[in-house]
C-alpha atoms as a PDB file:
ATOM      1  CA  MET A   1     -24.801  -3.975   3.707  1.00  0.00           C
ATOM      2  CA  GLY A   2     -28.059  -4.955   2.003  1.00  0.00           C
ATOM      3  CA  LYS A   3     -31.473  -5.129   3.556  1.00  0.00           C
ATOM      4  CA  ARG A   4     -31.379  -5.347   7.339  1.00  0.00           C
ATOM      5  CA  GLY A   5     -34.209  -5.926   9.738  1.00  0.00           C
ATOM      6  CA  GLY A   6     -36.737  -6.235   6.939  1.00  0.00           C
ATOM      7  CA  THR A   7     -36.284  -2.628   5.822  1.00  0.00           C
ATOM      8  CA  ASP A   8     -35.344  -1.434   2.381  1.00  0.00           C
ATOM      9  CA  ALA A   9     -32.969   1.412   3.220  1.00  0.00           C
ATOM     10  CA  VAL A  10     -32.186   2.030  -0.450  1.00  0.00           C
ATOM     11  CA  GLY A  11     -35.867   2.288  -1.377  1.00  0.00           C
ATOM     12  CA  VAL A  12     -36.499   4.618   1.554  1.00  0.00           C
ATOM     13  CA  ALA A  13     -33.553   6.833   0.531  1.00  0.00           C
ATOM     14  CA  ILE A  14     -34.797   7.013  -3.058  1.00  0.00           C
ATOM     15  CA  GLU A  15     -38.307   7.966  -1.977  1.00  0.00           C
ATOM     16  CA  ALA A  16     -36.853  10.645   0.337  1.00  0.00           C
ATOM     17  CA  ALA A  17     -34.965  12.270  -2.566  1.00  0.00           C
ATOM     18  CA  PRO A  18     -36.391  15.428  -4.138  1.00  0.00           C
ATOM     19  CA  GLU A  19     -39.189  14.734  -6.613  1.00  0.00           C
ATOM     20  CA  PRO A  20     -37.120  15.663  -9.710  1.00  0.00           C
ATOM     21  CA  ALA A  21     -34.689  12.840  -8.887  1.00  0.00           C
ATOM     22  CA  ARG A  22     -36.928   9.953  -7.788  1.00  0.00           C
ATOM     23  CA  ALA A  23     -37.967   8.391 -11.108  1.00  0.00           C
ATOM     24  CA  GLY A  24     -34.404   8.573 -12.415  1.00  0.00           C
ATOM     25  CA  LEU A  25     -32.973   7.028  -9.265  1.00  0.00           C
ATOM     26  CA  ARG A  26     -35.508   4.195  -9.458  1.00  0.00           C
ATOM     27  CA  ALA A  27     -34.559   3.602 -13.112  1.00  0.00           C
ATOM     28  CA  LEU A  28     -30.817   3.569 -12.319  1.00  0.00           C
ATOM     29  CA  ARG A  29     -31.361   1.114  -9.444  1.00  0.00           C
ATOM     30  CA  ALA A  30     -33.311  -1.213 -11.736  1.00  0.00           C
ATOM     31  CA  LEU A  31     -30.655  -0.947 -14.460  1.00  0.00           C
ATOM     32  CA  ILE A  32     -27.835  -1.754 -12.003  1.00  0.00           C
ATOM     33  CA  HIS A  33     -29.728  -4.862 -10.871  1.00  0.00           C
ATOM     34  CA  ARG A  34     -30.430  -5.945 -14.477  1.00  0.00           C
ATOM     35  CA  VAL A  35     -26.774  -5.600 -15.477  1.00  0.00           C
ATOM     36  CA  ALA A  36     -25.632  -7.479 -12.370  1.00  0.00           C
ATOM     37  CA  ALA A  37     -28.071 -10.304 -13.165  1.00  0.00           C
ATOM     38  CA  GLN A  38     -26.892 -10.436 -16.792  1.00  0.00           C
ATOM     39  CA  GLU A  39     -23.283 -10.675 -15.616  1.00  0.00           C
ATOM     40  CA  GLY A  40     -24.082 -13.228 -12.906  1.00  0.00           C
ATOM     41  CA  VAL A  41     -22.713 -10.826 -10.292  1.00  0.00           C
ATOM     42  CA  ALA A  42     -24.049 -10.989  -6.731  1.00  0.00           C
ATOM     43  CA  LEU A  43     -24.976  -7.481  -5.680  1.00  0.00           C
ATOM     44  CA  ASP A  44     -25.123  -6.056  -2.185  1.00  0.00           C
ATOM     45  CA  GLU A  45     -26.969  -2.795  -1.704  1.00  0.00           C
ATOM     46  CA  GLY A  46     -27.188  -0.398   1.186  1.00  0.00           C
ATOM     47  CA  LEU A  47     -26.355   3.178   2.071  1.00  0.00           C
ATOM     48  CA  ARG A  48     -22.956   4.861   1.856  1.00  0.00           C
ATOM     49  CA  TRP A  49     -22.701   8.520   2.794  1.00  0.00           C
ATOM     50  CA  GLY A  50     -26.511   8.463   2.914  1.00  0.00           C
ATOM     51  CA  GLN A  51     -26.774   7.468  -0.752  1.00  0.00           C
ATOM     52  CA  PRO A  52     -27.897   4.174  -2.249  1.00  0.00           C
ATOM     53  CA  ALA A  53     -24.774   2.091  -2.916  1.00  0.00           C
ATOM     54  CA  PHE A  54     -24.255  -1.107  -4.881  1.00  0.00           C
ATOM     55  CA  LEU A  55     -21.282  -3.384  -4.284  1.00  0.00           C
ATOM     56  CA  ALA A  56     -20.039  -6.525  -5.992  1.00  0.00           C
ATOM     57  CA  ALA A  57     -17.313  -8.722  -4.526  1.00  0.00           C
ATOM     58  CA  LYS A  58     -14.961  -8.077  -7.464  1.00  0.00           C
ATOM     59  CA  GLY A  59     -16.259  -4.661  -8.436  1.00  0.00           C
ATOM     60  CA  ALA A  60     -15.849  -0.987  -7.730  1.00  0.00           C
ATOM     61  CA  SER A  61     -18.733   0.529  -5.802  1.00  0.00           C
ATOM     62  CA  LEU A  62     -21.559   2.358  -7.540  1.00  0.00           C
ATOM     63  CA  ARG A  63     -23.783   4.940  -5.886  1.00  0.00           C
ATOM     64  CA  ILE A  64     -26.821   6.855  -7.042  1.00  0.00           C
ATOM     65  CA  GLY A  65     -28.071  10.090  -5.597  1.00  0.00           C
ATOM     66  CA  VAL A  66     -28.689  13.787  -5.784  1.00  0.00           C
ATOM     67  CA  PRO A  67     -25.639  15.904  -6.644  1.00  0.00           C
ATOM     68  CA  SER A  68     -24.220  18.451  -4.241  1.00  0.00           C
ATOM     69  CA  LYS A  69     -25.798  21.904  -4.179  1.00  0.00           C
ATOM     70  CA  ALA A  70     -22.924  23.194  -6.313  1.00  0.00           C
ATOM     71  CA  MET A  71     -23.850  20.755  -9.111  1.00  0.00           C
ATOM     72  CA  ARG A  72     -27.660  21.034  -8.984  1.00  0.00           C
ATOM     73  CA  ASP A  73     -27.681  23.676 -11.710  1.00  0.00           C
ATOM     74  CA  ARG A  74     -26.336  20.910 -13.999  1.00  0.00           C
ATOM     75  CA  ALA A  75     -28.193  17.824 -12.744  1.00  0.00           C
ATOM     76  CA  ASP A  76     -31.116  16.458 -10.746  1.00  0.00           C
ATOM     77  CA  PHE A  77     -29.572  13.032 -10.080  1.00  0.00           C
ATOM     78  CA  ALA A  78     -26.350  11.139 -10.740  1.00  0.00           C
ATOM     79  CA  LEU A  79     -24.649   7.762 -11.044  1.00  0.00           C
ATOM     80  CA  TYR A  80     -21.377   7.770  -9.081  1.00  0.00           C
ATOM     81  CA  VAL A  81     -18.325   5.538  -9.539  1.00  0.00           C
ATOM     82  CA  HIS A  82     -15.080   5.316  -7.578  1.00  0.00           C
ATOM     83  CA  CYS A  83     -13.265   8.534  -8.517  1.00  0.00           C
ATOM     84  CA  GLN A  84      -9.794   6.976  -8.448  1.00  0.00           C
ATOM     85  CA  THR A  85     -10.571   4.665 -11.370  1.00  0.00           C
ATOM     86  CA  PRO A  86     -10.571   5.460 -15.098  1.00  0.00           C
ATOM     87  CA  LEU A  87     -14.193   4.283 -15.367  1.00  0.00           C
ATOM     88  CA  ILE A  88     -15.626   7.671 -16.391  1.00  0.00           C
ATOM     89  CA  ALA A  89     -12.813   8.286 -18.886  1.00  0.00           C
ATOM     90  CA  GLY A  90     -13.424   4.888 -20.499  1.00  0.00           C
ATOM     91  CA  PHE A  91     -17.145   5.587 -20.561  1.00  0.00           C
ATOM     92  CA  LEU A  92     -16.631   8.932 -22.330  1.00  0.00           C
ATOM     93  CA  GLN A  93     -14.172   7.448 -24.823  1.00  0.00           C
ATOM     94  CA  GLY A  94     -16.652   4.699 -25.646  1.00  0.00           C
ATOM     95  CA  PRO A  95     -20.434   4.513 -25.622  1.00  0.00           C
ATOM     96  CA  GLY A  96     -20.845   7.393 -23.154  1.00  0.00           C
ATOM     97  CA  ALA A  97     -19.373  10.075 -25.413  1.00  0.00           C
ATOM     98  CA  GLY A  98     -21.338  13.280 -25.000  1.00  0.00           C
ATOM     99  CA  HIS A  99     -22.795  12.510 -21.566  1.00  0.00           C
ATOM    100  CA  ARG A 100     -22.540  15.187 -18.875  1.00  0.00           C
ATOM    101  CA  VAL A 101     -20.137  14.184 -16.120  1.00  0.00           C
ATOM    102  CA  GLU A 102     -18.638  15.554 -12.938  1.00  0.00           C
ATOM    103  CA  GLY A 103     -14.910  14.918 -13.249  1.00  0.00           C
ATOM    104  CA  THR A 104     -13.968  11.281 -12.695  1.00  0.00           C
ATOM    105  CA  ARG A 105     -16.795  10.548 -10.295  1.00  0.00           C
ATOM    106  CA  ALA A 106     -20.288  10.884 -11.798  1.00  0.00           C
ATOM    107  CA  VAL A 107     -22.578  10.824 -14.796  1.00  0.00           C
ATOM    108  CA  LEU A 108     -25.174  13.574 -14.449  1.00  0.00           C
ATOM    109  CA  PHE A 109     -28.841  13.537 -15.452  1.00  0.00           C
ATOM    110  CA  ARG A 110     -31.846  15.848 -15.607  1.00  0.00           C
ATOM    111  CA  GLN A 111     -35.388  14.897 -14.656  1.00  0.00           C
ATOM    112  CA  GLY A 112     -37.241  13.384 -17.597  1.00  0.00           C
ATOM    113  CA  GLU A 113     -34.088  12.602 -19.576  1.00  0.00           C
ATOM    114  CA  THR A 114     -34.176   9.262 -21.338  1.00  0.00           C
ATOM    115  CA  LEU A 115     -31.402   7.105 -19.910  1.00  0.00           C
ATOM    116  CA  ASP A 116     -29.105   5.587 -22.528  1.00  0.00           C
ATOM    117  CA  GLU A 117     -29.312   2.079 -21.075  1.00  0.00           C
ATOM    118  CA  ALA A 118     -26.753   0.604 -23.490  1.00  0.00           C
ATOM    119  CA  ALA A 119     -24.091   3.195 -22.644  1.00  0.00           C
ATOM    120  CA  LEU A 120     -24.881   3.170 -18.921  1.00  0.00           C
ATOM    121  CA  GLY A 121     -24.975  -0.622 -18.948  1.00  0.00           C
ATOM    122  CA  PHE A 122     -21.405  -0.550 -20.280  1.00  0.00           C
ATOM    123  CA  LEU A 123     -20.288   1.690 -17.397  1.00  0.00           C
ATOM    124  CA  ILE A 124     -22.149  -0.353 -14.787  1.00  0.00           C
ATOM    125  CA  ARG A 125     -20.720  -3.619 -16.171  1.00  0.00           C
ATOM    126  CA  GLN A 126     -17.203  -2.167 -16.061  1.00  0.00           C
ATOM    127  CA  ALA A 127     -17.667  -1.073 -12.446  1.00  0.00           C
ATOM    128  CA  LEU A 128     -19.225  -4.333 -11.252  1.00  0.00           C
ATOM    129  CA  THR A 129     -16.346  -6.361 -12.728  1.00  0.00           C
ATOM    130  CA  TRP A 130     -13.540  -3.870 -12.043  1.00  0.00           C
ATOM    131  CA  HIS A 131     -11.357  -6.131  -9.860  1.00  0.00           C
ATOM    132  CA  ALA A 132     -12.116  -9.272 -11.878  1.00  0.00           C
ATOM    133  CA  ARG A 133     -10.314  -7.856 -14.939  1.00  0.00           C
END
């Protein structure tokens, strides 16, 4: 995964997203990289299912993207985690209480919403270190 052939597939995918999602996707990408750096976690990024994906050797994958058509009435963009983990439940029971989610797989956002970086940082940290715990 990661950058191949000098191209930034993740950046290209973000810029190809609908306008209401782009700024939020850029902000989530930057936050994921900041949290990984704070944790000393090497991060590999690329595309999975056409969406920007972020992987750590001892972590659960994270993805960012535009929700399915069925969810677009609730969100313009989303942060996805592995749906077979309790990551979203732990997020909602802790600093993410009150956030809009899609089941066990995503935190949902609207264009222009201020991202709660402390709460999202908690979720990202938990995902990036999932298998190390």
